[in-house]
């Protein structure tokens, strides 16, 4: 979904992961500059995952608050449940 703020972050993570995989698949040894770029991408991927985590947590909290408000709103519409007494018999 294009209006999802997580959408461009997910796309960037996927692109960076693809580059990481391509770097590791190289038949030759990795140069020191390639290793620096690899580390930089790895740090960027971690930062993007932190952003995604914040977005998901905010959504979860918002949905939880909405559900709690809806539940408390509807509880006033229901009559209270009758008290139920349970007769206990001794076990033989």
C-alpha atoms as a PDB file:
ATOM      1  CA  UNK A   1       0.000   0.000   0.000  1.00  0.00           C
ATOM      2  CA  UNK A   2       1.544   3.291  -1.087  1.00  0.00           C
ATOM      3  CA  UNK A   3       0.138   5.334   1.803  1.00  0.00           C
ATOM      4  CA  UNK A   4       1.759   2.981   4.304  1.00  0.00           C
ATOM      5  CA  UNK A   5       4.754   4.807   5.840  1.00  0.00           C
ATOM      6  CA  UNK A   6       6.507   1.451   6.180  1.00  0.00           C
ATOM      7  CA  UNK A   7       6.317   0.756   2.422  1.00  0.00           C
ATOM      8  CA  UNK A   8       9.351   2.813   1.297  1.00  0.00           C
ATOM      9  CA  UNK A   9      11.358   1.576   4.281  1.00  0.00           C
ATOM     10  CA  UNK A  10      10.614  -2.043   3.391  1.00  0.00           C
ATOM     11  CA  UNK A  11      11.638  -1.374  -0.220  1.00  0.00           C
ATOM     12  CA  UNK A  12      14.924   0.196   0.850  1.00  0.00           C
ATOM     13  CA  UNK A  13      15.661  -2.710   3.199  1.00  0.00           C
ATOM     14  CA  UNK A  14      15.017  -5.173   0.377  1.00  0.00           C
ATOM     15  CA  UNK A  15      17.276  -3.242  -1.985  1.00  0.00           C
ATOM     16  CA  UNK A  16      20.083  -3.069   0.585  1.00  0.00           C
ATOM     17  CA  UNK A  17      19.766  -6.763   1.427  1.00  0.00           C
ATOM     18  CA  UNK A  18      19.963  -7.620  -2.272  1.00  0.00           C
ATOM     19  CA  UNK A  19      23.194  -5.617  -2.563  1.00  0.00           C
ATOM     20  CA  UNK A  20      24.572  -7.377   0.520  1.00  0.00           C
ATOM     21  CA  UNK A  21      23.812 -10.761  -1.026  1.00  0.00           C
ATOM     22  CA  UNK A  22      25.401  -9.750  -4.336  1.00  0.00           C
ATOM     23  CA  UNK A  23      28.515  -8.598  -2.466  1.00  0.00           C
ATOM     24  CA  UNK A  24      28.857 -11.942  -0.707  1.00  0.00           C
ATOM     25  CA  UNK A  25      28.304 -13.887  -3.931  1.00  0.00           C
ATOM     26  CA  UNK A  26      31.274 -12.257  -5.630  1.00  0.00           C
ATOM     27  CA  UNK A  27      33.748 -14.909  -6.737  1.00  0.00           C
ATOM     28  CA  UNK A  28      36.716 -12.733  -5.746  1.00  0.00           C
ATOM     29  CA  UNK A  29      37.730 -11.473  -2.324  1.00  0.00           C
ATOM     30  CA  UNK A  30      36.077  -8.366  -0.951  1.00  0.00           C
ATOM     31  CA  UNK A  31      38.242  -5.246  -0.981  1.00  0.00           C
ATOM     32  CA  UNK A  32      38.558  -3.074   2.101  1.00  0.00           C
ATOM     33  CA  UNK A  33      36.364  -0.381   0.543  1.00  0.00           C
ATOM     34  CA  UNK A  34      33.703  -2.990  -0.316  1.00  0.00           C
ATOM     35  CA  UNK A  35      33.879  -4.235   3.259  1.00  0.00           C
ATOM     36  CA  UNK A  36      33.385  -0.678   4.533  1.00  0.00           C
ATOM     37  CA  UNK A  37      30.371  -0.278   2.228  1.00  0.00           C
ATOM     38  CA  UNK A  38      29.038  -3.641   3.431  1.00  0.00           C
ATOM     39  CA  UNK A  39      29.298  -2.538   7.050  1.00  0.00           C
ATOM     40  CA  UNK A  40      27.670   0.791   6.243  1.00  0.00           C
ATOM     41  CA  UNK A  41      24.744  -0.960   4.541  1.00  0.00           C
ATOM     42  CA  UNK A  42      24.436  -3.321   7.490  1.00  0.00           C
ATOM     43  CA  UNK A  43      24.167  -0.364   9.879  1.00  0.00           C
ATOM     44  CA  UNK A  44      21.594   1.261   7.586  1.00  0.00           C
ATOM     45  CA  UNK A  45      19.536  -1.954   7.487  1.00  0.00           C
ATOM     46  CA  UNK A  46      19.562  -2.095  11.293  1.00  0.00           C
ATOM     47  CA  UNK A  47      18.443   1.541  11.527  1.00  0.00           C
ATOM     48  CA  UNK A  48      15.630   0.915   9.037  1.00  0.00           C
ATOM     49  CA  UNK A  49      14.435  -2.106  11.016  1.00  0.00           C
ATOM     50  CA  UNK A  50      14.328   0.083  14.128  1.00  0.00           C
ATOM     51  CA  UNK A  51      12.121   2.549  12.218  1.00  0.00           C
ATOM     52  CA  UNK A  52       9.845  -0.286  11.103  1.00  0.00           C
ATOM     53  CA  UNK A  53       9.635  -1.514  14.685  1.00  0.00           C
ATOM     54  CA  UNK A  54       8.529   1.943  15.862  1.00  0.00           C
ATOM     55  CA  UNK A  55       5.877   2.148  13.139  1.00  0.00           C
ATOM     56  CA  UNK A  56       4.494  -1.280  14.034  1.00  0.00           C
ATOM     57  CA  UNK A  57       4.496  -0.500  17.766  1.00  0.00           C
ATOM     58  CA  UNK A  58       2.624   2.773  17.184  1.00  0.00           C
ATOM     59  CA  UNK A  59       0.032   0.952  15.068  1.00  0.00           C
ATOM     60  CA  UNK A  60      -0.380  -1.767  17.667  1.00  0.00           C
ATOM     61  CA  UNK A  61      -0.778   0.758  20.478  1.00  0.00           C
ATOM     62  CA  UNK A  62      -3.294   2.790  18.472  1.00  0.00           C
ATOM     63  CA  UNK A  63      -5.333  -0.318  17.650  1.00  0.00           C
ATOM     64  CA  UNK A  64      -5.195  -1.489  21.265  1.00  0.00           C
ATOM     65  CA  UNK A  65      -6.424   1.888  22.499  1.00  0.00           C
ATOM     66  CA  UNK A  66      -9.225   1.915  19.928  1.00  0.00           C
ATOM     67  CA  UNK A  67     -10.274  -1.603  20.909  1.00  0.00           C
ATOM     68  CA  UNK A  68     -10.243  -0.665  24.598  1.00  0.00           C
ATOM     69  CA  UNK A  69     -12.386   2.431  23.925  1.00  0.00           C
ATOM     70  CA  UNK A  70     -14.837   0.404  21.848  1.00  0.00           C
ATOM     71  CA  UNK A  71     -15.037  -2.316  24.464  1.00  0.00           C
ATOM     72  CA  UNK A  72     -15.739   0.116  27.300  1.00  0.00           C
ATOM     73  CA  UNK A  73     -18.306   1.937  25.166  1.00  0.00           C
ATOM     74  CA  UNK A  74     -20.226  -1.273  24.432  1.00  0.00           C
ATOM     75  CA  UNK A  75     -19.993  -2.670  27.937  1.00  0.00           C
ATOM     76  CA  UNK A  76     -22.407   0.036  29.106  1.00  0.00           C
ATOM     77  CA  UNK A  77     -24.992  -1.218  26.598  1.00  0.00           C
ATOM     78  CA  UNK A  78     -25.037  -4.759  27.976  1.00  0.00           C
ATOM     79  CA  UNK A  79     -26.984  -5.775  31.041  1.00  0.00           C
ATOM     80  CA  UNK A  80     -24.810  -7.281  33.741  1.00  0.00           C
ATOM     81  CA  UNK A  81     -24.494 -11.049  33.720  1.00  0.00           C
ATOM     82  CA  UNK A  82     -26.539 -12.842  36.374  1.00  0.00           C
ATOM     83  CA  UNK A  83     -24.669 -14.361  39.276  1.00  0.00           C
ATOM     84  CA  UNK A  84     -24.270 -18.096  38.893  1.00  0.00           C
ATOM     85  CA  UNK A  85     -23.955 -20.370  41.865  1.00  0.00           C
ATOM     86  CA  UNK A  86     -22.233 -23.657  41.393  1.00  0.00           C
ATOM     87  CA  UNK A  87     -23.149 -26.514  43.662  1.00  0.00           C
ATOM     88  CA  UNK A  88     -20.119 -28.554  44.574  1.00  0.00           C
ATOM     89  CA  UNK A  89     -20.470 -32.169  45.460  1.00  0.00           C
ATOM     90  CA  UNK A  90     -17.864 -34.132  47.332  1.00  0.00           C
ATOM     91  CA  UNK A  91     -15.789 -36.464  45.196  1.00  0.00           C
ATOM     92  CA  UNK A  92     -16.165 -40.110  46.215  1.00  0.00           C
END
